[in-house]
Protein backbone atom coordinates (compact mmCIF):
# COMPACT_ATOMS: atom_id res chain seq x y z
CA UNK A 1 83.54 -230.44 -40.97
CA UNK A 2 84.16 -228.78 -37.97
CA UNK A 3 86.01 -225.98 -39.43
CA UNK A 4 82.92 -225.22 -41.74
CA UNK A 5 80.93 -224.93 -38.42
CA UNK A 6 83.21 -222.96 -36.98
CA UNK A 7 83.73 -220.70 -40.51
CA UNK A 8 79.46 -220.62 -40.36
CA UNK A 9 79.27 -219.79 -36.78
CA UNK A 10 81.57 -216.73 -37.11
CA UNK A 11 80.02 -215.55 -40.55
CA UNK A 12 76.22 -215.70 -39.18
CA UNK A 13 77.21 -212.76 -36.45
CA UNK A 14 78.55 -210.97 -39.21
CA UNK A 15 76.13 -211.05 -41.49
CA UNK A 16 73.61 -210.18 -38.67
CA UNK A 17 75.32 -207.12 -38.36
CA UNK A 18 75.10 -205.95 -41.93
CA UNK A 19 71.62 -206.48 -42.02
CA UNK A 20 70.27 -205.33 -38.27
CA UNK A 21 72.42 -202.37 -37.79
CA UNK A 22 71.77 -198.96 -39.83
CA UNK A 23 74.21 -197.31 -42.48
CA UNK A 24 75.77 -194.81 -41.33
CA UNK A 25 76.50 -191.94 -43.70
CA UNK A 26 79.15 -189.16 -42.94
CA UNK A 27 77.85 -185.86 -42.64
CA UNK A 28 78.00 -183.10 -46.01
CA UNK A 29 80.15 -180.20 -44.87
CA UNK A 30 78.45 -176.87 -45.30
CA UNK A 31 81.60 -174.79 -46.29
CA UNK A 32 81.51 -170.61 -46.50
CA UNK A 33 83.97 -168.50 -48.16
CA UNK A 34 85.20 -165.08 -47.20
CA UNK A 35 86.65 -163.10 -49.91
CA UNK A 36 89.11 -160.20 -49.78
CA UNK A 37 86.34 -157.56 -49.79
CA UNK A 38 84.59 -159.45 -46.47
CA UNK A 39 81.64 -160.84 -48.53
CA UNK A 40 80.83 -163.95 -47.77
CA UNK A 41 80.14 -166.95 -49.76
CA UNK A 42 78.98 -170.25 -50.52
CA UNK A 43 82.30 -171.36 -52.50
CA UNK A 44 85.43 -169.31 -53.48
CA UNK A 45 84.89 -168.90 -57.60
CA UNK A 46 81.89 -166.88 -56.33
CA UNK A 47 84.70 -164.09 -55.15
CA UNK A 48 85.65 -163.08 -58.59
CA UNK A 49 82.00 -162.45 -59.38
CA UNK A 50 81.40 -160.31 -56.75
CA UNK A 51 85.13 -158.56 -57.31
CA UNK A 52 83.94 -157.65 -60.59
CA UNK A 53 80.05 -156.21 -59.81
CA UNK A 54 82.09 -154.41 -56.86
CA UNK A 55 84.61 -152.96 -59.69
CA UNK A 56 81.63 -152.33 -62.07
CA UNK A 57 80.05 -150.12 -58.76
CA UNK A 58 83.47 -148.12 -58.32
CA UNK A 59 83.11 -147.28 -62.04
CA UNK A 60 79.69 -146.08 -61.79
CA UNK A 61 78.57 -142.24 -62.05
CA UNK A 62 76.15 -143.15 -58.56
CA UNK A 63 78.59 -145.37 -57.05
CA UNK A 64 76.25 -145.15 -53.93
CA UNK A 65 73.14 -146.28 -55.39
CA UNK A 66 75.27 -149.46 -57.28
CA UNK A 67 76.20 -151.14 -53.79
CA UNK A 68 73.55 -150.32 -52.08
CA UNK A 69 71.40 -152.10 -54.58
CA UNK A 70 74.50 -155.11 -54.94
CA UNK A 71 74.31 -154.94 -50.72
CA UNK A 72 70.69 -155.39 -50.80
CA UNK A 73 70.62 -158.07 -53.59
CA UNK A 74 73.07 -160.01 -52.13
CA UNK A 75 71.71 -159.62 -48.63
CA UNK A 76 75.24 -158.67 -47.27
CA UNK A 77 75.76 -155.58 -44.81
CA UNK A 78 79.36 -155.94 -45.51
CA UNK A 79 79.30 -154.52 -48.81
CA UNK A 80 76.97 -151.67 -47.35
CA UNK A 81 80.66 -150.17 -45.87
CA UNK A 82 81.41 -149.38 -50.13
CA UNK A 83 78.95 -146.55 -49.63
CA UNK A 84 80.25 -143.17 -48.79
CA UNK A 85 77.34 -141.14 -47.11
CA UNK A 86 76.97 -141.17 -44.49
CA UNK A 87 74.09 -138.55 -44.51
CA UNK A 88 70.71 -140.19 -43.12
CA UNK A 89 68.57 -137.15 -45.70
CA UNK A 90 70.56 -139.10 -48.79
CA UNK A 91 68.44 -142.08 -49.60
CA UNK A 92 71.27 -144.26 -50.45
CA UNK A 93 73.39 -143.89 -47.49
CA UNK A 94 75.41 -146.90 -45.08
CA UNK A 95 72.38 -146.88 -42.42
CA UNK A 96 69.16 -147.50 -44.32
CA UNK A 97 71.65 -149.92 -46.54
CA UNK A 98 72.32 -151.97 -43.20
CA UNK A 99 69.10 -151.08 -41.14
CA UNK A 100 67.34 -152.78 -44.59
CA UNK A 101 69.60 -155.81 -44.74
CA UNK A 102 68.97 -155.96 -40.51
CA UNK A 103 65.36 -156.10 -41.20
CA UNK A 104 65.25 -158.80 -43.70
CA UNK A 105 67.29 -161.29 -41.55
CA UNK A 106 65.42 -159.96 -38.68
CA UNK A 107 68.83 -159.71 -36.88
CA UNK A 108 70.21 -156.31 -35.61
CA UNK A 109 73.77 -157.52 -35.43
CA UNK A 110 74.15 -156.71 -39.20
CA UNK A 111 74.21 -152.72 -37.80
CA UNK A 112 77.45 -153.82 -36.55
CA UNK A 113 79.15 -153.93 -39.88
CA UNK A 114 79.41 -150.08 -40.62
CA UNK A 115 80.15 -147.27 -38.60
CA UNK A 116 76.82 -145.77 -37.96
CA UNK A 117 75.61 -148.76 -36.10
CA UNK A 118 73.60 -146.60 -33.53
CA UNK A 119 71.21 -144.87 -35.94
CA UNK A 120 70.82 -148.61 -37.36
CA UNK A 121 69.72 -149.62 -33.87
CA UNK A 122 67.39 -146.58 -33.92
CA UNK A 123 65.86 -147.67 -37.36
CA UNK A 124 65.76 -151.43 -36.63
CA UNK A 125 63.86 -150.66 -33.18
CA UNK A 126 61.25 -148.49 -34.69
CA UNK A 127 60.51 -151.06 -37.40
CA UNK A 128 60.13 -153.77 -34.92
CA UNK A 129 58.77 -151.99 -32.22
CA UNK A 130 61.53 -154.03 -29.95
CA UNK A 131 62.84 -151.84 -27.32
CA UNK A 132 65.56 -154.14 -26.63
CA UNK A 133 67.57 -152.74 -29.41
CA UNK A 134 67.73 -149.56 -27.93
CA UNK A 135 69.89 -150.33 -24.96
CA UNK A 136 72.47 -151.91 -27.28
CA UNK A 137 73.37 -148.30 -27.61
CA UNK A 138 75.83 -148.06 -24.87
CA UNK A 139 77.78 -145.24 -25.74
CA UNK A 140 75.64 -141.66 -25.20
CA UNK A 141 72.76 -142.00 -22.91
CA UNK A 142 70.83 -139.09 -24.83
CA UNK A 143 71.27 -141.53 -28.13
CA UNK A 144 69.85 -144.28 -26.80
CA UNK A 145 67.04 -142.22 -24.78
CA UNK A 146 66.48 -140.51 -28.53
CA UNK A 147 66.01 -144.30 -29.95
CA UNK A 148 63.30 -144.96 -27.25
CA UNK A 149 61.63 -141.38 -27.51
CA UNK A 150 61.20 -142.19 -31.21
CA UNK A 151 60.15 -145.41 -30.61
CA UNK A 152 57.27 -144.68 -28.40
CA UNK A 153 56.24 -141.65 -31.03
CA UNK A 154 56.41 -144.49 -33.90
CA UNK A 155 54.20 -146.91 -31.86
CA UNK A 156 51.98 -144.26 -29.76
CA UNK A 157 52.49 -146.09 -26.63
CA UNK A 158 52.48 -142.89 -24.67
CA UNK A 159 51.81 -144.37 -21.57
CA UNK A 160 55.67 -145.36 -21.36
CA UNK A 161 57.27 -141.51 -21.93
CA UNK A 162 57.73 -141.79 -18.21
CA UNK A 163 60.43 -144.55 -18.73
CA UNK A 164 62.50 -142.08 -20.72
CA UNK A 165 65.15 -140.78 -18.16
CA UNK A 166 65.94 -137.66 -20.27
CA UNK A 167 63.72 -134.86 -18.77
CA UNK A 168 63.74 -133.22 -22.17
CA UNK A 169 63.06 -135.93 -24.25
CA UNK A 170 60.32 -137.19 -21.90
CA UNK A 171 58.48 -133.74 -22.17
CA UNK A 172 58.59 -133.82 -25.42
CA UNK A 173 57.42 -137.11 -25.58
CA UNK A 174 54.28 -136.13 -23.41
CA UNK A 175 53.72 -133.32 -25.70
CA UNK A 176 53.33 -135.63 -29.02
CA UNK A 177 51.16 -137.50 -26.43
CA UNK A 178 48.75 -134.51 -26.15
CA UNK A 179 49.26 -133.32 -30.08
CA UNK A 180 48.37 -137.02 -31.22
CA UNK A 181 45.44 -138.23 -28.79
CA UNK A 182 44.24 -134.36 -28.44
CA UNK A 183 44.20 -135.46 -24.33
CA UNK A 184 45.21 -132.38 -22.80
CA UNK A 185 46.47 -134.42 -19.68
CA UNK A 186 49.62 -135.30 -20.73
CA UNK A 187 50.33 -131.42 -20.55
CA UNK A 188 50.29 -131.52 -17.36
CA UNK A 189 53.13 -133.93 -16.99
CA UNK A 190 55.63 -131.86 -18.68
CA UNK A 191 58.05 -129.95 -16.00
CA UNK A 192 58.02 -126.64 -16.16
CA UNK A 193 60.85 -125.25 -18.43
CA UNK A 194 62.27 -122.41 -19.92
CA UNK A 195 61.54 -123.24 -23.49
CA UNK A 196 57.81 -123.12 -22.58
CA UNK A 197 56.92 -126.41 -23.88
CA UNK A 198 54.12 -126.71 -21.24
CA UNK A 199 52.50 -123.62 -22.74
CA UNK A 200 52.63 -124.78 -26.37
CA UNK A 201 50.97 -128.17 -25.40
CA UNK A 202 48.12 -126.78 -23.65
CA UNK A 203 47.84 -124.10 -26.90
CA UNK A 204 48.60 -126.73 -29.52
CA UNK A 205 46.50 -129.70 -28.18
CA UNK A 206 43.66 -127.36 -27.27
CA UNK A 207 43.50 -125.63 -30.81
CA UNK A 208 42.62 -129.56 -31.62
CA UNK A 209 39.89 -129.62 -29.52
CA UNK A 210 38.60 -125.62 -29.60
CA UNK A 211 39.20 -125.45 -25.85
CA UNK A 212 41.76 -123.16 -24.32
CA UNK A 213 40.65 -124.13 -21.10
CA UNK A 214 44.07 -125.61 -20.24
CA UNK A 215 46.03 -122.82 -20.80
CA UNK A 216 44.37 -121.80 -17.18
CA UNK A 217 46.73 -124.49 -15.88
CA UNK A 218 49.64 -122.35 -16.34
CA UNK A 219 50.95 -119.68 -13.96
CA UNK A 220 51.82 -116.05 -14.52
CA UNK A 221 52.55 -114.86 -17.68
CA UNK A 222 52.50 -118.08 -19.42
CA UNK A 223 48.79 -117.93 -19.19
CA UNK A 224 48.30 -115.17 -21.61
CA UNK A 225 51.30 -116.12 -23.67
CA UNK A 226 49.00 -119.34 -24.02
CA UNK A 227 46.00 -117.46 -25.18
CA UNK A 228 47.96 -115.68 -27.66
CA UNK A 229 49.34 -118.60 -29.00
CA UNK A 230 45.82 -120.51 -29.20
CA UNK A 231 44.70 -117.22 -31.19
CA UNK A 232 47.14 -117.72 -33.52
CA UNK A 233 46.98 -121.54 -34.21
CA UNK A 234 42.93 -121.26 -34.49
CA UNK A 235 42.10 -117.50 -35.45
CA UNK A 236 39.75 -116.98 -32.55
CA UNK A 237 39.87 -113.48 -31.79
CA UNK A 238 37.32 -114.05 -29.00
CA UNK A 239 40.14 -115.67 -26.51
CA UNK A 240 41.87 -112.21 -26.77
CA UNK A 241 39.27 -110.84 -24.16
CA UNK A 242 40.70 -113.22 -21.43
CA UNK A 243 44.51 -111.23 -21.53
CA UNK A 244 44.51 -108.39 -18.99
CA UNK A 245 47.66 -106.81 -20.43
CA UNK A 246 47.09 -104.33 -23.12
CA UNK A 247 49.53 -104.35 -25.47
CA UNK A 248 49.64 -108.55 -25.22
CA UNK A 249 45.73 -108.17 -25.89
CA UNK A 250 46.03 -106.20 -29.07
CA UNK A 251 49.15 -108.36 -30.29
CA UNK A 252 46.85 -111.42 -29.71
CA UNK A 253 43.67 -109.64 -31.79
CA UNK A 254 46.63 -109.58 -34.21
CA UNK A 255 47.91 -112.54 -34.48
CA UNK A 256 44.35 -114.16 -34.23
CA UNK A 257 43.66 -111.65 -37.78
CA UNK A 258 46.25 -112.94 -39.38
CA UNK A 259 45.47 -116.45 -38.86
CA UNK A 260 42.11 -115.76 -39.96
CA UNK A 261 43.21 -113.98 -43.67
CA UNK A 262 46.02 -116.42 -44.27
CA UNK A 263 42.92 -119.27 -43.90
CA UNK A 264 40.88 -117.33 -45.89
CA UNK A 265 43.78 -116.86 -48.70
CA UNK A 266 44.12 -120.89 -48.55
CA UNK A 267 40.64 -121.37 -49.14
CA UNK A 268 40.42 -119.23 -52.28
CA UNK A 269 43.84 -120.87 -53.32
CA UNK A 270 41.88 -124.06 -53.70
CA UNK A 271 38.55 -123.19 -55.45
């Protein structure tokens, strides 16, 4: 009898364990596979499918467009490297391919899978208005500044132009700000340079407002050259009367008349 009782004492704790403790299940392993071409798939049998589609693209008359579509459909930037074109003017190029996938995933690191990753960073930064991505361009300060400048232009965040350390790009940013807003005060932030960008700024922004008074902020011959540029932009010959140099005044009048004639001709063509 004591053996039965002893067995019962031993059995009850065991049953309590079964009934009281939660069942432990083994975790499901999430495995991925990398095909020979670098494509990541969920199972190795899919590699042959990718290989078949890649072979089909290689045989295509427009292999770049084919690989572009394949990469986008699979959301796989590694396939973008199969695209031969690096020309940014071409629709189907490596940069556009990788950038589109990076944007769809919300991950700029996809750009690192192609050769021209810096252009890809710039496009990603502009599309997402993320300045920090421009900082990923570590080889070449000018390339990084171009990214910043392009982003500022795309976002019209003109008050951040002074964050650009390259003077040429910073001046161009202020010029774009003046043209975009019609606010000639941005022209005053442009440093005097041999390429006369500050003179162009006052003439071009002033033309938007029918106001040539900004030219007076310049020095020396730049003032009168600004009047000539304004006359060329608007066809307003009255500004030429501000010019003291006779030959330049005549040139100004000719520029204004030429612009006026072109405006009349363009109007006639639309009628």
